[in-house]
Amino acid sequence: IKKSQYILTAAGLVAWFASTGVQAGASFAVGALVSIVSFTLLDRLTAAIAGGAVSGPGLAGSALRILLIGGLLFGILQIYKLHAIAIGTGLLITVAAITWENLRGTLWNTNLV
């Protein structure tokens, strides 16, 4: 999933920079960065829970982290007047990467490709 996140982020950056300019490209990059970091932290938490040894903040700490990230993003949007749609698409990078990996796995496992 991580490799797909990076590929989709690179493609999105090129598309946003080319179509709308630097501000939208930077906004997309912020959203993608938050998405990738959030996924990484959530992945670590689920691995710790599955392994039986929860190391780190636990569920309450993770919820607080998500709220802080959301507040930080809202503040950045308000202060710097970034492109909201670009940030939104950046935040969806992880969803797109997971969807792509699932489709790819399904197609390869059924010999359709």
Protein backbone atom coordinates (compact mmCIF):
# COMPACT_ATOMS: atom_id res chain seq x y z
CA ILE A 1 0.00 0.00 0.00
CA LYS A 2 2.86 2.37 0.80
CA LYS A 3 4.31 2.08 -2.70
CA SER A 4 0.90 2.85 -4.21
CA GLN A 5 0.54 5.83 -1.88
CA TYR A 6 3.83 7.27 -3.11
CA ILE A 7 3.03 6.65 -6.78
CA LEU A 8 -0.42 8.20 -6.48
CA THR A 9 1.00 11.16 -4.54
CA ALA A 10 3.59 11.80 -7.25
CA ALA A 11 0.93 11.59 -9.97
CA GLY A 12 -1.39 13.88 -8.01
CA LEU A 13 1.36 16.43 -7.43
CA VAL A 14 2.15 16.58 -11.12
CA ALA A 15 -1.53 16.91 -12.00
CA TRP A 16 -2.28 19.64 -9.43
CA PHE A 17 0.86 21.64 -10.21
CA ALA A 18 0.25 21.41 -13.97
CA SER A 19 -3.46 22.18 -13.89
CA THR A 20 -3.88 24.72 -11.10
CA GLY A 21 -0.48 25.92 -9.98
CA VAL A 22 1.80 25.99 -6.99
CA GLN A 23 -0.80 26.74 -4.29
CA ALA A 24 -3.01 23.80 -5.25
CA GLY A 25 0.01 21.51 -5.64
CA ALA A 26 1.27 22.45 -2.19
CA SER A 27 -2.21 21.97 -0.76
CA PHE A 28 -2.39 18.50 -2.29
CA ALA A 29 1.03 17.69 -0.85
CA VAL A 30 -0.13 18.71 2.65
CA GLY A 31 -3.22 16.53 2.38
CA ALA A 32 -1.26 13.57 1.04
CA LEU A 33 1.35 13.91 3.78
CA VAL A 34 -1.33 13.92 6.49
CA SER A 35 -3.00 10.91 4.86
CA ILE A 36 0.22 8.89 4.66
CA VAL A 37 1.26 9.75 8.22
CA SER A 38 -2.21 8.91 9.57
CA PHE A 39 -2.21 5.57 7.77
CA THR A 40 1.26 4.74 9.05
CA LEU A 41 0.27 5.49 12.65
CA LEU A 42 -2.97 3.53 12.34
CA ASP A 43 -1.10 0.62 10.75
CA ARG A 44 1.33 0.55 13.68
CA LEU A 45 -1.53 0.64 16.18
CA THR A 46 -3.38 -2.25 14.52
CA ALA A 47 -0.18 -4.29 14.29
CA ALA A 48 0.43 -3.73 17.99
CA ILE A 49 -3.13 -4.72 18.88
CA ALA A 50 -2.97 -7.82 16.66
CA GLY A 51 0.33 -8.79 18.26
CA GLY A 52 -1.18 -8.42 21.70
CA ALA A 53 1.33 -5.83 22.86
CA VAL A 54 0.03 -2.32 22.51
CA SER A 55 2.99 0.00 22.64
CA GLY A 56 2.40 3.68 22.28
CA PRO A 57 -0.62 5.83 22.86
CA GLY A 58 -3.37 3.20 22.60
CA LEU A 59 -6.90 3.94 21.43
CA ALA A 60 -7.47 7.18 23.36
CA GLY A 61 -4.11 8.54 22.30
CA SER A 62 -4.80 7.65 18.68
CA ALA A 63 -8.19 9.35 18.79
CA LEU A 64 -6.58 12.44 20.29
CA ARG A 65 -3.91 12.38 17.58
CA ILE A 66 -6.57 12.26 14.86
CA LEU A 67 -8.38 15.22 16.45
CA LEU A 68 -5.13 17.17 16.65
CA ILE A 69 -4.35 16.44 13.01
CA GLY A 70 -7.83 17.59 12.02
CA GLY A 71 -7.48 20.78 14.05
CA LEU A 72 -4.05 21.43 12.58
CA LEU A 73 -5.39 20.99 9.07
CA PHE A 74 -8.30 23.33 9.78
CA GLY A 75 -5.89 25.94 11.15
CA ILE A 76 -3.61 25.62 8.14
CA LEU A 77 -6.59 26.05 5.81
CA GLN A 78 -7.76 29.16 7.65
CA ILE A 79 -4.38 30.84 8.02
CA TYR A 80 -2.79 30.09 4.67
CA LYS A 81 -5.97 29.98 2.55
CA LEU A 82 -4.92 26.76 0.86
CA HIS A 83 -6.90 25.04 -1.86
CA ALA A 84 -9.53 22.98 0.00
CA ILE A 85 -10.32 20.61 -2.89
CA ALA A 86 -6.63 19.86 -3.40
CA ILE A 87 -6.19 19.08 0.30
CA GLY A 88 -9.28 16.88 0.18
CA THR A 89 -7.95 14.86 -2.73
CA GLY A 90 -4.61 14.58 -0.97
CA LEU A 91 -6.34 13.22 2.10
CA LEU A 92 -7.91 10.52 -0.07
CA ILE A 93 -4.53 9.17 -1.23
CA THR A 94 -4.63 6.29 1.24
CA VAL A 95 -8.20 5.36 0.25
CA ALA A 96 -7.17 5.37 -3.41
CA ALA A 97 -4.06 3.30 -2.68
CA ILE A 98 -6.03 0.68 -0.72
CA THR A 99 -8.69 0.54 -3.45
CA TRP A 100 -6.02 0.17 -6.14
CA GLU A 101 -4.25 -2.61 -4.23
CA ASN A 102 -7.52 -4.49 -3.69
CA LEU A 103 -8.53 -4.17 -7.35
CA ARG A 104 -5.08 -5.21 -8.48
CA GLY A 105 -5.12 -8.23 -6.16
CA THR A 106 -8.59 -9.22 -7.30
CA LEU A 107 -7.74 -8.93 -10.98
CA TRP A 108 -4.45 -10.80 -10.65
CA ASN A 109 -5.99 -13.56 -8.51
CA THR A 110 -8.81 -14.15 -10.99
CA ASN A 111 -6.46 -14.13 -14.01
CA LEU A 112 -8.40 -11.28 -15.66
CA VAL A 113 -5.18 -9.40 -16.35
